[in-house]
Amino acid sequence: MKPALSAVAVAVVLTAAALGLGASVASAQPPPPSPAQGEPVPAWAPPKPAEFWAGQPVVWTSAWGGRWGVWINGGFITLSSNPVTNGG
């Protein structure tokens, strides 16, 4: 009788784990910065190319020497060149 109860207990635990009951490991990536956030725009920044692009607000980032761009699907799409080097 004890082996049968042990087998049932193991089956219940495995079923609960398969259904996601109990402790789970968080594997979600952190969300990208809010499109409305952006960074403060320095005085030397080029003019903003547009208010919106592909339905998303255009924001400033200091990455890559400073660029205007939009956040889409967790990635940043640049819309301007590097104002310091005037290139990519």
PDB file of N, CA and C in Angstrom:
ATOM      1  N   MET A   1       0.817  -1.189   0.000  1.00  0.00           N
ATOM      2  CA  MET A   1       0.000   0.000   0.000  1.00  0.00           C
ATOM      3  C   MET A   1       0.866   1.260   0.000  1.00  0.00           C
ATOM      4  N   LYS A   2       1.994   1.223   0.752  1.00  0.00           N
ATOM      5  CA  LYS A   2       2.865   2.392   0.807  1.00  0.00           C
ATOM      6  C   LYS A   2       3.460   2.730  -0.558  1.00  0.00           C
ATOM      7  N   PRO A   3       3.933   1.757  -1.340  1.00  0.00           N
ATOM      8  CA  PRO A   3       4.467   2.097  -2.665  1.00  0.00           C
ATOM      9  C   PRO A   3       3.401   2.743  -3.566  1.00  0.00           C
ATOM     10  N   ALA A   4       2.168   2.318  -3.447  1.00  0.00           N
ATOM     11  CA  ALA A   4       1.103   2.894  -4.270  1.00  0.00           C
ATOM     12  C   ALA A   4       0.851   4.342  -3.865  1.00  0.00           C
ATOM     13  N   LEU A   5       0.855   4.620  -2.559  1.00  0.00           N
ATOM     14  CA  LEU A   5       0.653   5.989  -2.095  1.00  0.00           C
ATOM     15  C   LEU A   5       1.816   6.888  -2.511  1.00  0.00           C
ATOM     16  N   SER A   6       3.024   6.358  -2.465  1.00  0.00           N
ATOM     17  CA  SER A   6       4.186   7.132  -2.887  1.00  0.00           C
ATOM     18  C   SER A   6       4.104   7.448  -4.375  1.00  0.00           C
ATOM     19  N   ALA A   7       3.690   6.485  -5.156  1.00  0.00           N
ATOM     20  CA  ALA A   7       3.552   6.704  -6.596  1.00  0.00           C
ATOM     21  C   ALA A   7       2.477   7.737  -6.890  1.00  0.00           C
ATOM     22  N   VAL A   8       1.380   7.691  -6.153  1.00  0.00           N
ATOM     23  CA  VAL A   8       0.304   8.674  -6.341  1.00  0.00           C
ATOM     24  C   VAL A   8       0.795  10.057  -5.940  1.00  0.00           C
ATOM     25  N   ALA A   9       1.527  10.152  -4.858  1.00  0.00           N
ATOM     26  CA  ALA A   9       2.036  11.441  -4.395  1.00  0.00           C
ATOM     27  C   ALA A   9       2.992  12.047  -5.424  1.00  0.00           C
ATOM     28  N   VAL A  10       3.873  11.219  -5.979  1.00  0.00           N
ATOM     29  CA  VAL A  10       4.803  11.695  -7.002  1.00  0.00           C
ATOM     30  C   VAL A  10       4.033  12.148  -8.241  1.00  0.00           C
ATOM     31  N   ALA A  11       3.016  11.403  -8.628  1.00  0.00           N
ATOM     32  CA  ALA A  11       2.219  11.767  -9.799  1.00  0.00           C
ATOM     33  C   ALA A  11       1.501  13.092  -9.578  1.00  0.00           C
ATOM     34  N   VAL A  12       0.982  13.315  -8.378  1.00  0.00           N
ATOM     35  CA  VAL A  12       0.293  14.574  -8.068  1.00  0.00           C
ATOM     36  C   VAL A  12       1.268  15.741  -8.136  1.00  0.00           C
ATOM     37  N   VAL A  13       2.452  15.587  -7.573  1.00  0.00           N
ATOM     38  CA  VAL A  13       3.448  16.655  -7.584  1.00  0.00           C
ATOM     39  C   VAL A  13       3.878  16.974  -9.019  1.00  0.00           C
ATOM     40  N   LEU A  14       4.125  15.938  -9.825  1.00  0.00           N
ATOM     41  CA  LEU A  14       4.535  16.164 -11.210  1.00  0.00           C
ATOM     42  C   LEU A  14       3.419  16.821 -12.026  1.00  0.00           C
ATOM     43  N   THR A  15       2.191  16.415 -11.791  1.00  0.00           N
ATOM     44  CA  THR A  15       1.065  17.022 -12.497  1.00  0.00           C
ATOM     45  C   THR A  15       0.921  18.489 -12.109  1.00  0.00           C
ATOM     46  N   ALA A  16       1.044  18.788 -10.819  1.00  0.00           N
ATOM     47  CA  ALA A  16       0.947  20.178 -10.358  1.00  0.00           C
ATOM     48  C   ALA A  16       2.056  21.027 -10.969  1.00  0.00           C
ATOM     49  N   ALA A  17       3.257  20.475 -11.054  1.00  0.00           N
ATOM     50  CA  ALA A  17       4.373  21.214 -11.654  1.00  0.00           C
ATOM     51  C   ALA A  17       4.136  21.451 -13.137  1.00  0.00           C
ATOM     52  N   ALA A  18       3.602  20.453 -13.823  1.00  0.00           N
ATOM     53  CA  ALA A  18       3.338  20.592 -15.256  1.00  0.00           C
ATOM     54  C   ALA A  18       2.250  21.631 -15.520  1.00  0.00           C
ATOM     55  N   LEU A  19       1.314  21.765 -14.592  1.00  0.00           N
ATOM     56  CA  LEU A  19       0.238  22.748 -14.753  1.00  0.00           C
ATOM     57  C   LEU A  19       0.652  24.141 -14.288  1.00  0.00           C
ATOM     58  N   GLY A  20       1.842  24.267 -13.762  1.00  0.00           N
ATOM     59  CA  GLY A  20       2.327  25.565 -13.326  1.00  0.00           C
ATOM     60  C   GLY A  20       1.907  25.931 -11.924  1.00  0.00           C
ATOM     61  N   LEU A  21       1.456  24.968 -11.168  1.00  0.00           N
ATOM     62  CA  LEU A  21       1.075  25.238  -9.789  1.00  0.00           C
ATOM     63  C   LEU A  21       2.314  25.153  -8.926  1.00  0.00           C
ATOM     64  N   GLY A  22       2.490  26.085  -8.040  1.00  0.00           N
ATOM     65  CA  GLY A  22       3.667  26.083  -7.186  1.00  0.00           C
ATOM     66  C   GLY A  22       4.658  27.130  -7.671  1.00  0.00           C
ATOM     67  N   ALA A  23       5.885  26.985  -7.233  1.00  0.00           N
ATOM     68  CA  ALA A  23       6.921  27.966  -7.584  1.00  0.00           C
ATOM     69  C   ALA A  23       7.265  27.854  -9.061  1.00  0.00           C
ATOM     70  N   SER A  24       7.436  28.986  -9.670  1.00  0.00           N
ATOM     71  CA  SER A  24       7.846  28.997 -11.071  1.00  0.00           C
ATOM     72  C   SER A  24       8.996  29.978 -11.242  1.00  0.00           C
ATOM     73  N   VAL A  25       9.747  29.787 -12.293  1.00  0.00           N
ATOM     74  CA  VAL A  25      10.888  30.639 -12.583  1.00  0.00           C
ATOM     75  C   VAL A  25      10.435  31.728 -13.539  1.00  0.00           C
ATOM     76  N   ALA A  26      10.689  32.968 -13.190  1.00  0.00           N
ATOM     77  CA  ALA A  26      10.319  34.080 -14.067  1.00  0.00           C
ATOM     78  C   ALA A  26      11.334  34.162 -15.202  1.00  0.00           C
ATOM     79  N   SER A  27      10.852  34.077 -16.418  1.00  0.00           N
ATOM     80  CA  SER A  27      11.769  34.127 -17.552  1.00  0.00           C
ATOM     81  C   SER A  27      11.452  35.280 -18.489  1.00  0.00           C
ATOM     82  N   ALA A  28      10.528  36.140 -18.101  1.00  0.00           N
ATOM     83  CA  ALA A  28      10.181  37.265 -18.954  1.00  0.00           C
ATOM     84  C   ALA A  28      11.306  38.287 -18.947  1.00  0.00           C
ATOM     85  N   GLN A  29      11.537  38.899 -20.096  1.00  0.00           N
ATOM     86  CA  GLN A  29      12.546  39.933 -20.197  1.00  0.00           C
ATOM     87  C   GLN A  29      11.970  41.227 -19.639  1.00  0.00           C
ATOM     88  N   PRO A  30      12.823  42.084 -19.118  1.00  0.00           N
ATOM     89  CA  PRO A  30      12.301  43.351 -18.615  1.00  0.00           C
ATOM     90  C   PRO A  30      11.728  44.173 -19.766  1.00  0.00           C
ATOM     91  N   PRO A  31      10.684  44.929 -19.494  1.00  0.00           N
ATOM     92  CA  PRO A  31      10.089  45.717 -20.571  1.00  0.00           C
ATOM     93  C   PRO A  31      11.040  46.821 -21.015  1.00  0.00           C
ATOM     94  N   PRO A  32      10.949  47.242 -22.253  1.00  0.00           N
ATOM     95  CA  PRO A  32      11.793  48.347 -22.706  1.00  0.00           C
ATOM     96  C   PRO A  32      11.346  49.640 -22.021  1.00  0.00           C
ATOM     97  N   PRO A  33      12.203  50.635 -22.025  1.00  0.00           N
ATOM     98  CA  PRO A  33      11.776  51.901 -21.443  1.00  0.00           C
ATOM     99  C   PRO A  33      10.505  52.389 -22.126  1.00  0.00           C
ATOM    100  N   SER A  34       9.688  53.055 -21.375  1.00  0.00           N
ATOM    101  CA  SER A  34       8.445  53.577 -21.920  1.00  0.00           C
ATOM    102  C   SER A  34       8.745  54.532 -23.064  1.00  0.00           C
ATOM    103  N   PRO A  35       8.013  54.427 -24.169  1.00  0.00           N
ATOM    104  CA  PRO A  35       8.259  55.342 -25.290  1.00  0.00           C
ATOM    105  C   PRO A  35       8.130  56.805 -24.886  1.00  0.00           C
ATOM    106  N   ALA A  36       7.332  57.078 -23.898  1.00  0.00           N
ATOM    107  CA  ALA A  36       7.151  58.461 -23.469  1.00  0.00           C
ATOM    108  C   ALA A  36       8.348  58.959 -22.667  1.00  0.00           C
ATOM    109  N   GLN A  37       9.185  58.043 -22.173  1.00  0.00           N
ATOM    110  CA  GLN A  37      10.301  58.450 -21.328  1.00  0.00           C
ATOM    111  C   GLN A  37      11.345  59.224 -22.115  1.00  0.00           C
ATOM    112  N   GLY A  38      12.143  58.530 -22.872  1.00  0.00           N
ATOM    113  CA  GLY A  38      13.247  59.200 -23.547  1.00  0.00           C
ATOM    114  C   GLY A  38      14.195  59.796 -22.522  1.00  0.00           C
ATOM    115  N   GLU A  39      15.176  60.510 -22.989  1.00  0.00           N
ATOM    116  CA  GLU A  39      16.142  61.164 -22.112  1.00  0.00           C
ATOM    117  C   GLU A  39      16.062  62.662 -22.342  1.00  0.00           C
ATOM    118  N   PRO A  40      16.598  63.437 -21.412  1.00  0.00           N
ATOM    119  CA  PRO A  40      16.618  64.885 -21.650  1.00  0.00           C
ATOM    120  C   PRO A  40      17.407  65.202 -22.921  1.00  0.00           C
ATOM    121  N   VAL A  41      16.893  66.106 -23.711  1.00  0.00           N
ATOM    122  CA  VAL A  41      17.529  66.450 -24.994  1.00  0.00           C
ATOM    123  C   VAL A  41      18.583  67.521 -24.749  1.00  0.00           C
ATOM    124  N   PRO A  42      19.853  67.243 -25.158  1.00  0.00           N
ATOM    125  CA  PRO A  42      20.901  68.253 -24.960  1.00  0.00           C
ATOM    126  C   PRO A  42      20.713  69.425 -25.935  1.00  0.00           C
ATOM    127  N   ALA A  43      21.328  70.537 -25.596  1.00  0.00           N
ATOM    128  CA  ALA A  43      21.203  71.740 -26.421  1.00  0.00           C
ATOM    129  C   ALA A  43      21.796  71.543 -27.811  1.00  0.00           C
ATOM    130  N   TRP A  44      22.784  70.678 -27.947  1.00  0.00           N
ATOM    131  CA  TRP A  44      23.453  70.487 -29.232  1.00  0.00           C
ATOM    132  C   TRP A  44      22.763  69.465 -30.135  1.00  0.00           C
ATOM    133  N   ALA A  45      21.684  68.880 -29.663  1.00  0.00           N
ATOM    134  CA  ALA A  45      20.986  67.845 -30.441  1.00  0.00           C
ATOM    135  C   ALA A  45      20.387  68.441 -31.716  1.00  0.00           C
ATOM    136  N   PRO A  46      20.376  67.670 -32.798  1.00  0.00           N
ATOM    137  CA  PRO A  46      19.738  68.154 -34.027  1.00  0.00           C
ATOM    138  C   PRO A  46      18.230  68.276 -33.811  1.00  0.00           C
ATOM    139  N   PRO A  47      17.538  68.980 -34.698  1.00  0.00           N
ATOM    140  CA  PRO A  47      16.089  69.116 -34.532  1.00  0.00           C
ATOM    141  C   PRO A  47      15.397  67.752 -34.571  1.00  0.00           C
ATOM    142  N   LYS A  48      14.320  67.651 -33.837  1.00  0.00           N
ATOM    143  CA  LYS A  48      13.531  66.419 -33.793  1.00  0.00           C
ATOM    144  C   LYS A  48      12.918  66.189 -35.178  1.00  0.00           C
ATOM    145  N   PRO A  49      13.136  65.000 -35.773  1.00  0.00           N
ATOM    146  CA  PRO A  49      12.659  64.772 -37.139  1.00  0.00           C
ATOM    147  C   PRO A  49      11.139  64.700 -37.262  1.00  0.00           C
ATOM    148  N   ALA A  50      10.458  64.276 -36.223  1.00  0.00           N
ATOM    149  CA  ALA A  50       8.996  64.156 -36.244  1.00  0.00           C
ATOM    150  C   ALA A  50       8.516  63.930 -34.821  1.00  0.00           C
ATOM    151  N   GLU A  51       7.245  64.119 -34.579  1.00  0.00           N
ATOM    152  CA  GLU A  51       6.678  63.830 -33.269  1.00  0.00           C
ATOM    153  C   GLU A  51       6.382  62.342 -33.111  1.00  0.00           C
ATOM    154  N   PHE A  52       5.924  61.696 -34.198  1.00  0.00           N
ATOM    155  CA  PHE A  52       5.592  60.272 -34.185  1.00  0.00           C
ATOM    156  C   PHE A  52       6.134  59.615 -35.441  1.00  0.00           C
ATOM    157  N   TRP A  53       6.478  58.325 -35.316  1.00  0.00           N
ATOM    158  CA  TRP A  53       6.902  57.535 -36.467  1.00  0.00           C
ATOM    159  C   TRP A  53       6.334  56.133 -36.264  1.00  0.00           C
ATOM    160  N   ALA A  54       5.628  55.631 -37.252  1.00  0.00           N
ATOM    161  CA  ALA A  54       4.979  54.315 -37.176  1.00  0.00           C
ATOM    162  C   ALA A  54       4.078  54.223 -35.943  1.00  0.00           C
ATOM    163  N   GLY A  55       3.445  55.349 -35.599  1.00  0.00           N
ATOM    164  CA  GLY A  55       2.527  55.359 -34.475  1.00  0.00           C
ATOM    165  C   GLY A  55       3.182  55.452 -33.109  1.00  0.00           C
ATOM    166  N   GLN A  56       4.503  55.552 -33.058  1.00  0.00           N
ATOM    167  CA  GLN A  56       5.237  55.618 -31.794  1.00  0.00           C
ATOM    168  C   GLN A  56       5.856  57.004 -31.633  1.00  0.00           C
ATOM    169  N   PRO A  57       5.932  57.521 -30.393  1.00  0.00           N
ATOM    170  CA  PRO A  57       6.550  58.832 -30.188  1.00  0.00           C
ATOM    171  C   PRO A  57       8.057  58.791 -30.427  1.00  0.00           C
ATOM    172  N   VAL A  58       8.578  59.817 -31.043  1.00  0.00           N
ATOM    173  CA  VAL A  58      10.016  59.940 -31.287  1.00  0.00           C
ATOM    174  C   VAL A  58      10.661  60.484 -30.015  1.00  0.00           C
ATOM    175  N   VAL A  59      11.713  59.806 -29.543  1.00  0.00           N
ATOM    176  CA  VAL A  59      12.392  60.194 -28.304  1.00  0.00           C
ATOM    177  C   VAL A  59      13.894  60.283 -28.533  1.00  0.00           C
ATOM    178  N   TRP A  60      14.599  60.929 -27.624  1.00  0.00           N
ATOM    179  CA  TRP A  60      16.056  61.079 -27.670  1.00  0.00           C
ATOM    180  C   TRP A  60      16.699  60.002 -26.820  1.00  0.00           C
ATOM    181  N   THR A  61      17.809  59.444 -27.308  1.00  0.00           N
ATOM    182  CA  THR A  61      18.637  58.535 -26.519  1.00  0.00           C
ATOM    183  C   THR A  61      20.087  58.977 -26.645  1.00  0.00           C
ATOM    184  N   SER A  62      20.849  58.817 -25.587  1.00  0.00           N
ATOM    185  CA  SER A  62      22.268  59.188 -25.625  1.00  0.00           C
ATOM    186  C   SER A  62      23.127  58.052 -26.191  1.00  0.00           C
ATOM    187  N   ALA A  63      22.518  56.900 -26.458  1.00  0.00           N
ATOM    188  CA  ALA A  63      23.271  55.771 -27.018  1.00  0.00           C
ATOM    189  C   ALA A  63      23.812  56.125 -28.402  1.00  0.00           C
ATOM    190  N   TRP A  64      24.915  55.525 -28.757  1.00  0.00           N
ATOM    191  CA  TRP A  64      25.549  55.729 -30.065  1.00  0.00           C
ATOM    192  C   TRP A  64      25.869  57.202 -30.324  1.00  0.00           C
ATOM    193  N   GLY A  65      26.214  57.943 -29.298  1.00  0.00           N
ATOM    194  CA  GLY A  65      26.577  59.345 -29.461  1.00  0.00           C
ATOM    195  C   GLY A  65      25.384  60.284 -29.452  1.00  0.00           C
ATOM    196  N   GLY A  66      24.190  59.758 -29.309  1.00  0.00           N
ATOM    197  CA  GLY A  66      22.977  60.576 -29.277  1.00  0.00           C
ATOM    198  C   GLY A  66      22.197  60.450 -30.569  1.00  0.00           C
ATOM    199  N   ARG A  67      20.958  60.040 -30.475  1.00  0.00           N
ATOM    200  CA  ARG A  67      20.111  59.851 -31.656  1.00  0.00           C
ATOM    201  C   ARG A  67      18.651  60.108 -31.317  1.00  0.00           C
ATOM    202  N   TRP A  68      17.887  60.462 -32.336  1.00  0.00           N
ATOM    203  CA  TRP A  68      16.432  60.455 -32.262  1.00  0.00           C
ATOM    204  C   TRP A  68      15.973  59.104 -32.766  1.00  0.00           C
ATOM    205  N   GLY A  69      14.914  58.562 -32.181  1.00  0.00           N
ATOM    206  CA  GLY A  69      14.409  57.283 -32.647  1.00  0.00           C
ATOM    207  C   GLY A  69      13.124  56.903 -31.939  1.00  0.00           C
ATOM    208  N   VAL A  70      12.685  55.679 -32.192  1.00  0.00           N
ATOM    209  CA  VAL A  70      11.450  55.166 -31.599  1.00  0.00           C
ATOM    210  C   VAL A  70      11.686  53.773 -31.038  1.00  0.00           C
ATOM    211  N   TRP A  71      10.910  53.431 -29.990  1.00  0.00           N
ATOM    212  CA  TRP A  71      10.913  52.081 -29.433  1.00  0.00           C
ATOM    213  C   TRP A  71       9.790  51.306 -30.101  1.00  0.00           C
ATOM    214  N   ILE A  72      10.133  50.205 -30.769  1.00  0.00           N
ATOM    215  CA  ILE A  72       9.130  49.339 -31.390  1.00  0.00           C
ATOM    216  C   ILE A  72       9.491  47.896 -31.065  1.00  0.00           C
ATOM    217  N   ASN A  73       8.552  47.164 -30.491  1.00  0.00           N
ATOM    218  CA  ASN A  73       8.731  45.750 -30.148  1.00  0.00           C
ATOM    219  C   ASN A  73       9.988  45.506 -29.322  1.00  0.00           C
ATOM    220  N   GLY A  74      10.283  46.389 -28.404  1.00  0.00           N
ATOM    221  CA  GLY A  74      11.424  46.211 -27.510  1.00  0.00           C
ATOM    222  C   GLY A  74      12.759  46.605 -28.104  1.00  0.00           C
ATOM    223  N   GLY A  75      12.775  47.099 -29.328  1.00  0.00           N
ATOM    224  CA  GLY A  75      14.019  47.526 -29.960  1.00  0.00           C
ATOM    225  C   GLY A  75      13.961  48.998 -30.322  1.00  0.00           C
ATOM    226  N   PHE A  76      15.106  49.636 -30.367  1.00  0.00           N
ATOM    227  CA  PHE A  76      15.164  51.062 -30.686  1.00  0.00           C
ATOM    228  C   PHE A  76      15.557  51.228 -32.140  1.00  0.00           C
ATOM    229  N   ILE A  77      14.748  51.936 -32.894  1.00  0.00           N
ATOM    230  CA  ILE A  77      15.033  52.228 -34.299  1.00  0.00           C
ATOM    231  C   ILE A  77      15.487  53.673 -34.382  1.00  0.00           C
ATOM    232  N   THR A  78      16.710  53.891 -34.835  1.00  0.00           N
ATOM    233  CA  THR A  78      17.230  55.257 -34.916  1.00  0.00           C
ATOM    234  C   THR A  78      16.667  55.959 -36.148  1.00  0.00           C
ATOM    235  N   LEU A  79      16.413  57.247 -35.989  1.00  0.00           N
ATOM    236  CA  LEU A  79      15.882  58.059 -37.086  1.00  0.00           C
ATOM    237  C   LEU A  79      16.815  59.214 -37.454  1.00  0.00           C
ATOM    238  N   SER A  80      17.936  59.315 -36.774  1.00  0.00           N
ATOM    239  CA  SER A  80      18.894  60.372 -37.098  1.00  0.00           C
ATOM    240  C   SER A  80      20.300  59.809 -36.993  1.00  0.00           C
ATOM    241  N   SER A  81      21.236  60.518 -37.607  1.00  0.00           N
ATOM    242  CA  SER A  81      22.630  60.087 -37.525  1.00  0.00           C
ATOM    243  C   SER A  81      23.273  60.676 -36.278  1.00  0.00           C
ATOM    244  N   ASN A  82      24.483  60.233 -35.991  1.00  0.00           N
ATOM    245  CA  ASN A  82      25.237  60.729 -34.849  1.00  0.00           C
ATOM    246  C   ASN A  82      25.583  62.193 -35.116  1.00  0.00           C
ATOM    247  N   PRO A  83      25.092  63.110 -34.271  1.00  0.00           N
ATOM    248  CA  PRO A  83      25.359  64.529 -34.523  1.00  0.00           C
ATOM    249  C   PRO A  83      26.815  64.927 -34.304  1.00  0.00           C
ATOM    250  N   VAL A  84      27.567  64.119 -33.573  1.00  0.00           N
ATOM    251  CA  VAL A  84      28.972  64.442 -33.327  1.00  0.00           C
ATOM    252  C   VAL A  84      29.824  64.082 -34.532  1.00  0.00           C
ATOM    253  N   THR A  85      29.649  62.872 -35.065  1.00  0.00           N
ATOM    254  CA  THR A  85      30.455  62.426 -36.203  1.00  0.00           C
ATOM    255  C   THR A  85      29.727  62.610 -37.529  1.00  0.00           C
ATOM    256  N   ASN A  86      28.443  62.967 -37.446  1.00  0.00           N
ATOM    257  CA  ASN A  86      27.613  63.148 -38.630  1.00  0.00           C
ATOM    258  C   ASN A  86      27.517  61.877 -39.459  1.00  0.00           C
ATOM    259  N   GLY A  87      27.541  60.755 -38.776  1.00  0.00           N
ATOM    260  CA  GLY A  87      27.470  59.479 -39.479  1.00  0.00           C
ATOM    261  C   GLY A  87      26.764  58.430 -38.659  1.00  0.00           C
ATOM    262  N   GLY A  88      26.996  57.179 -39.026  1.00  0.00           N
ATOM    263  CA  GLY A  88      26.322  56.041 -38.422  1.00  0.00           C
ATOM    264  C   GLY A  88      26.715  55.729 -37.068  1.00  0.00           C
TER     265      GLY A  88
END
